[in-house]
Protein backbone atom coordinates (compact mmCIF):
# COMPACT_ATOMS: atom_id res chain seq x y z
CA MET A 1 -172.15 -91.12 -45.75
CA THR A 2 -170.92 -92.23 -48.96
CA ASP A 3 -173.06 -95.60 -49.01
CA LYS A 4 -176.02 -93.52 -48.27
CA ALA A 5 -175.21 -91.23 -51.43
CA ASN A 6 -174.24 -94.22 -53.31
CA ASN A 7 -177.66 -95.90 -52.45
CA GLU A 8 -179.55 -92.99 -53.42
CA ARG A 9 -177.81 -92.49 -56.73
CA GLU A 10 -178.44 -96.01 -57.40
CA ALA A 11 -181.91 -95.86 -56.70
CA ASP A 12 -182.41 -92.78 -58.71
CA GLY A 13 -180.82 -94.55 -61.69
CA SER A 14 -183.44 -97.30 -61.17
CA ALA A 15 -186.32 -94.90 -61.18
CA ASP A 16 -185.05 -93.23 -64.37
CA ALA A 17 -184.37 -96.31 -66.21
CA LEU A 18 -188.03 -97.64 -65.23
CA ALA A 19 -189.51 -94.34 -66.25
CA ALA A 20 -187.56 -94.18 -69.82
CA THR A 21 -188.93 -97.92 -70.39
CA ALA A 22 -192.42 -96.97 -69.45
CA ILE A 23 -192.42 -93.97 -71.76
CA ILE A 24 -190.76 -95.72 -74.50
CA SER A 25 -193.33 -98.51 -74.06
CA LEU A 26 -196.22 -96.39 -74.27
CA ILE A 27 -194.87 -94.41 -77.32
CA VAL A 28 -194.57 -97.85 -79.04
CA LEU A 29 -198.05 -99.00 -77.88
CA THR A 30 -199.62 -95.82 -79.21
CA MET A 31 -197.94 -96.35 -82.69
CA TYR A 32 -199.03 -99.92 -82.93
CA ILE A 33 -202.69 -98.88 -82.05
CA TRP A 34 -202.55 -96.12 -84.32
CA LEU A 35 -200.95 -97.93 -87.29
CA SER A 36 -203.10 -101.03 -86.69
CA GLY A 37 -206.20 -98.71 -87.32
CA MET A 38 -204.93 -97.56 -90.72
CA PRO A 39 -206.51 -99.15 -93.90
CA SER A 40 -203.77 -101.30 -95.63
């Protein structure tokens, strides 16, 4: 029972880390595109 709970918790942590990385990457990409379009 505890192995199953630990595996689920580990999978949830991996999914959370992947989601956080994707969100941060999207924000950085958006800022890059926005700032590169501004006149210098």
